[in-house]
Amino acid sequence: MPTYAYACKDCGHAFDIVQSFSDSTLTSCPECQGTLRKKFNSVGVVFKGSGFYRTDSRDAKGSTVSAAAPASSAPAPAAAPAASAPAAAAS
């Protein structure tokens, strides 16, 4: 059930209430019995799962994930020649 925000036009009392979609809009303030108005805020939407991120629909060249992959693989080739050098010295 959604949470709705109300504010009184007369006394300024503001509060949130959980109401069903089928419930009627509140009209009187619980503090002063004045006229209420429903406040509208931006909708908080959270996209979860695959397909909602910038990198999910791009090729490997355009994503930020692939840009980080070469940087993480760069130390591996540098370590390989160092490992082969002692082997050459031992022979």
N, C-alpha and C. Protein backbone atom coordinates (compact mmCIF):
# COMPACT_ATOMS: atom_id res chain seq x y z
N MET A 1 0.84 -1.18 0.00
CA MET A 1 0.00 0.00 0.00
C MET A 1 0.89 1.24 0.00
N PRO A 2 0.50 2.25 -0.74
CA PRO A 2 1.31 3.46 -0.84
C PRO A 2 1.16 4.38 0.38
N THR A 3 2.17 5.20 0.58
CA THR A 3 2.16 6.20 1.63
C THR A 3 1.89 7.55 1.00
N TYR A 4 0.92 8.27 1.53
CA TYR A 4 0.55 9.58 1.02
C TYR A 4 0.91 10.65 2.04
N ALA A 5 1.32 11.82 1.55
CA ALA A 5 1.65 12.94 2.42
C ALA A 5 0.53 13.97 2.33
N TYR A 6 0.10 14.46 3.48
CA TYR A 6 -0.94 15.48 3.56
C TYR A 6 -0.41 16.67 4.34
N ALA A 7 -0.97 17.85 4.05
CA ALA A 7 -0.66 19.07 4.80
C ALA A 7 -1.96 19.85 4.97
N CYS A 8 -2.12 20.44 6.15
CA CYS A 8 -3.31 21.23 6.44
C CYS A 8 -3.13 22.64 5.87
N LYS A 9 -4.15 23.14 5.19
CA LYS A 9 -4.10 24.49 4.64
C LYS A 9 -4.24 25.55 5.74
N ASP A 10 -4.88 25.17 6.85
CA ASP A 10 -5.17 26.15 7.90
C ASP A 10 -4.04 26.24 8.94
N CYS A 11 -3.64 25.10 9.52
CA CYS A 11 -2.64 25.15 10.60
C CYS A 11 -1.25 24.74 10.15
N GLY A 12 -1.12 24.16 8.94
CA GLY A 12 0.20 23.77 8.44
C GLY A 12 0.68 22.41 8.91
N HIS A 13 -0.15 21.70 9.67
CA HIS A 13 0.23 20.36 10.16
C HIS A 13 0.45 19.43 8.96
N ALA A 14 1.60 18.75 8.94
CA ALA A 14 1.93 17.83 7.84
C ALA A 14 2.14 16.43 8.41
N PHE A 15 1.68 15.42 7.67
CA PHE A 15 1.83 14.04 8.12
C PHE A 15 1.74 13.10 6.92
N ASP A 16 2.22 11.88 7.13
CA ASP A 16 2.15 10.82 6.13
C ASP A 16 1.19 9.75 6.64
N ILE A 17 0.50 9.12 5.71
CA ILE A 17 -0.42 8.04 6.07
C ILE A 17 -0.39 6.97 4.99
N VAL A 18 -0.48 5.72 5.41
CA VAL A 18 -0.53 4.59 4.49
C VAL A 18 -2.00 4.32 4.18
N GLN A 19 -2.34 4.39 2.89
CA GLN A 19 -3.71 4.17 2.45
C GLN A 19 -3.73 3.22 1.27
N SER A 20 -4.81 2.50 1.14
CA SER A 20 -5.03 1.65 -0.01
C SER A 20 -5.43 2.52 -1.20
N PHE A 21 -5.27 2.00 -2.39
CA PHE A 21 -5.69 2.74 -3.58
C PHE A 21 -7.19 3.00 -3.57
N SER A 22 -7.95 2.11 -2.97
CA SER A 22 -9.40 2.25 -2.97
C SER A 22 -9.91 3.17 -1.86
N ASP A 23 -9.04 3.55 -0.89
CA ASP A 23 -9.46 4.46 0.17
C ASP A 23 -9.69 5.87 -0.38
N SER A 24 -10.65 6.57 0.19
CA SER A 24 -10.91 7.94 -0.25
C SER A 24 -9.87 8.89 0.35
N THR A 25 -9.68 10.01 -0.31
CA THR A 25 -8.72 11.02 0.12
C THR A 25 -9.19 11.65 1.42
N LEU A 26 -8.26 11.89 2.34
CA LEU A 26 -8.61 12.56 3.60
C LEU A 26 -8.92 14.02 3.32
N THR A 27 -9.89 14.57 4.05
CA THR A 27 -10.30 15.95 3.80
C THR A 27 -10.18 16.85 5.03
N SER A 28 -10.16 16.30 6.23
CA SER A 28 -10.09 17.15 7.42
C SER A 28 -8.85 16.83 8.24
N CYS A 29 -8.23 17.88 8.77
CA CYS A 29 -7.00 17.78 9.55
C CYS A 29 -7.29 17.13 10.90
N PRO A 30 -6.47 16.18 11.34
CA PRO A 30 -6.69 15.56 12.65
C PRO A 30 -6.36 16.51 13.81
N GLU A 31 -5.61 17.59 13.56
CA GLU A 31 -5.23 18.54 14.60
C GLU A 31 -6.30 19.62 14.81
N CYS A 32 -6.70 20.29 13.70
CA CYS A 32 -7.61 21.44 13.83
C CYS A 32 -8.91 21.29 13.06
N GLN A 33 -9.12 20.16 12.41
CA GLN A 33 -10.29 19.89 11.56
C GLN A 33 -10.36 20.82 10.36
N GLY A 34 -9.22 21.41 9.96
CA GLY A 34 -9.15 22.28 8.80
C GLY A 34 -9.10 21.47 7.51
N THR A 35 -8.93 22.16 6.41
CA THR A 35 -8.92 21.52 5.09
C THR A 35 -7.54 20.97 4.78
N LEU A 36 -7.49 19.72 4.35
CA LEU A 36 -6.24 19.07 3.99
C LEU A 36 -6.00 19.16 2.49
N ARG A 37 -4.74 19.14 2.13
CA ARG A 37 -4.37 19.00 0.72
C ARG A 37 -3.35 17.88 0.63
N LYS A 38 -3.42 17.14 -0.45
CA LYS A 38 -2.49 16.03 -0.66
C LYS A 38 -1.23 16.60 -1.31
N LYS A 39 -0.08 16.25 -0.75
CA LYS A 39 1.20 16.70 -1.30
C LYS A 39 1.72 15.63 -2.25
N PHE A 40 2.26 16.07 -3.36
CA PHE A 40 2.81 15.14 -4.34
C PHE A 40 4.31 15.33 -4.41
N ASN A 41 5.03 14.25 -4.26
CA ASN A 41 6.49 14.25 -4.31
C ASN A 41 6.95 13.46 -5.52
N SER A 42 8.24 13.56 -5.79
CA SER A 42 8.78 12.75 -6.87
C SER A 42 8.72 11.27 -6.48
N VAL A 43 8.57 10.44 -7.46
CA VAL A 43 8.43 9.02 -7.22
C VAL A 43 9.82 8.40 -7.02
N GLY A 44 9.97 7.66 -5.96
CA GLY A 44 11.23 6.96 -5.72
C GLY A 44 11.20 5.61 -6.40
N VAL A 45 11.88 5.50 -7.52
CA VAL A 45 11.89 4.26 -8.29
C VAL A 45 13.28 3.65 -8.19
N VAL A 46 13.32 2.37 -7.89
CA VAL A 46 14.58 1.65 -7.85
C VAL A 46 14.51 0.53 -8.87
N PHE A 47 15.44 0.57 -9.83
CA PHE A 47 15.49 -0.47 -10.84
C PHE A 47 16.49 -1.53 -10.41
N LYS A 48 16.02 -2.75 -10.26
CA LYS A 48 16.88 -3.85 -9.84
C LYS A 48 16.90 -4.92 -10.93
N GLY A 49 17.99 -5.61 -11.02
CA GLY A 49 18.11 -6.68 -11.99
C GLY A 49 18.91 -6.24 -13.20
N SER A 50 19.08 -7.13 -14.13
CA SER A 50 19.86 -6.80 -15.32
C SER A 50 19.02 -6.01 -16.30
N GLY A 51 19.68 -5.21 -17.12
CA GLY A 51 19.01 -4.44 -18.14
C GLY A 51 18.72 -3.02 -17.76
N PHE A 52 19.01 -2.61 -16.52
CA PHE A 52 18.68 -1.26 -16.08
C PHE A 52 19.90 -0.37 -15.92
N TYR A 53 21.07 -0.89 -16.11
CA TYR A 53 22.27 -0.10 -15.93
C TYR A 53 22.83 0.33 -17.27
N ARG A 54 23.64 1.39 -17.29
CA ARG A 54 24.21 1.90 -18.54
C ARG A 54 25.03 0.85 -19.25
N THR A 55 25.71 0.03 -18.52
CA THR A 55 26.63 -0.93 -19.12
C THR A 55 25.95 -2.21 -19.57
N ASP A 56 24.69 -2.41 -19.23
CA ASP A 56 24.01 -3.66 -19.59
C ASP A 56 23.67 -3.75 -21.08
N SER A 57 23.46 -2.63 -21.74
CA SER A 57 23.03 -2.68 -23.12
C SER A 57 24.10 -2.21 -24.09
N ARG A 58 25.32 -2.09 -23.63
CA ARG A 58 26.40 -1.62 -24.51
C ARG A 58 27.35 -2.75 -24.85
N ASP A 59 28.11 -2.51 -25.91
CA ASP A 59 29.13 -3.49 -26.27
C ASP A 59 30.33 -3.33 -25.34
N ALA A 60 31.30 -4.18 -25.46
CA ALA A 60 32.44 -4.20 -24.56
C ALA A 60 33.29 -2.95 -24.69
N LYS A 61 33.32 -2.30 -25.86
CA LYS A 61 34.15 -1.12 -26.05
C LYS A 61 33.59 0.09 -25.32
N GLY A 62 32.28 0.23 -25.22
CA GLY A 62 31.67 1.42 -24.66
C GLY A 62 31.42 1.37 -23.17
N SER A 63 31.55 0.25 -22.54
CA SER A 63 31.20 0.16 -21.13
C SER A 63 32.37 0.54 -20.24
N THR A 64 32.04 1.00 -19.05
CA THR A 64 33.08 1.37 -18.09
C THR A 64 33.68 0.13 -17.44
N VAL A 65 32.95 -0.97 -17.48
CA VAL A 65 33.47 -2.20 -16.90
C VAL A 65 34.63 -2.73 -17.72
N SER A 66 34.54 -2.66 -19.04
CA SER A 66 35.61 -3.17 -19.88
C SER A 66 36.84 -2.27 -19.80
N ALA A 67 36.65 -0.98 -19.52
CA ALA A 67 37.79 -0.09 -19.38
C ALA A 67 38.61 -0.45 -18.15
N ALA A 68 37.96 -0.96 -17.12
CA ALA A 68 38.66 -1.36 -15.91
C ALA A 68 39.33 -2.72 -16.08
N ALA A 69 38.84 -3.54 -16.99
CA ALA A 69 39.39 -4.88 -17.18
C ALA A 69 40.83 -4.86 -17.67
N PRO A 70 41.23 -4.04 -18.67
CA PRO A 70 42.63 -4.03 -19.10
C PRO A 70 43.56 -3.53 -18.00
N ALA A 71 43.11 -2.61 -17.18
CA ALA A 71 43.96 -2.11 -16.10
C ALA A 71 44.23 -3.21 -15.08
N SER A 72 43.23 -4.05 -14.83
CA SER A 72 43.44 -5.11 -13.85
C SER A 72 44.27 -6.26 -14.45
N SER A 73 44.26 -6.41 -15.78
CA SER A 73 45.06 -7.47 -16.38
C SER A 73 46.47 -7.00 -16.71
N ALA A 74 46.76 -5.71 -16.58
CA ALA A 74 48.10 -5.18 -16.89
C ALA A 74 49.17 -5.73 -15.94
N PRO A 75 48.95 -5.87 -14.64
CA PRO A 75 50.00 -6.41 -13.78
C PRO A 75 50.36 -7.87 -14.09
N ALA A 76 49.45 -8.63 -14.63
CA ALA A 76 49.73 -10.04 -14.91
C ALA A 76 50.84 -10.21 -15.94
N PRO A 77 50.87 -9.50 -17.08
CA PRO A 77 51.97 -9.66 -18.02
C PRO A 77 53.30 -9.17 -17.44
N ALA A 78 53.28 -8.17 -16.59
CA ALA A 78 54.51 -7.68 -15.98
C ALA A 78 55.09 -8.74 -15.04
N ALA A 79 54.24 -9.50 -14.39
CA ALA A 79 54.70 -10.52 -13.46
C ALA A 79 55.25 -11.74 -14.20
N ALA A 80 54.74 -12.00 -15.40
CA ALA A 80 55.18 -13.18 -16.15
C ALA A 80 56.65 -13.11 -16.55
N PRO A 81 57.20 -12.02 -17.07
CA PRO A 81 58.62 -11.97 -17.42
C PRO A 81 59.51 -12.09 -16.18
N ALA A 82 59.08 -11.54 -15.06
CA ALA A 82 59.88 -11.64 -13.85
C ALA A 82 59.97 -13.11 -13.40
N ALA A 83 58.89 -13.85 -13.58
CA ALA A 83 58.90 -15.25 -13.18
C ALA A 83 59.78 -16.08 -14.12
N SER A 84 59.86 -15.70 -15.40
CA SER A 84 60.65 -16.45 -16.35
C SER A 84 62.14 -16.14 -16.22
N ALA A 85 62.47 -14.97 -15.68
CA ALA A 85 63.88 -14.60 -15.53
C ALA A 85 64.62 -15.52 -14.56
N PRO A 86 64.10 -15.83 -13.39
CA PRO A 86 64.79 -16.77 -12.51
C PRO A 86 64.91 -18.18 -13.11
N ALA A 87 63.91 -18.57 -13.91
CA ALA A 87 63.97 -19.88 -14.54
C ALA A 87 65.11 -19.92 -15.54
N ALA A 88 65.34 -18.81 -16.25
CA ALA A 88 66.43 -18.75 -17.23
C ALA A 88 67.78 -18.76 -16.52
N ALA A 89 67.85 -18.12 -15.34
CA ALA A 89 69.09 -18.07 -14.59
C ALA A 89 69.44 -19.44 -14.00
N ALA A 90 68.42 -20.25 -13.69
CA ALA A 90 68.65 -21.55 -13.10
C ALA A 90 69.16 -22.56 -14.14
N SER A 91 68.93 -22.34 -15.45
CA SER A 91 69.34 -23.29 -16.44
C SER A 91 70.73 -23.20 -16.84
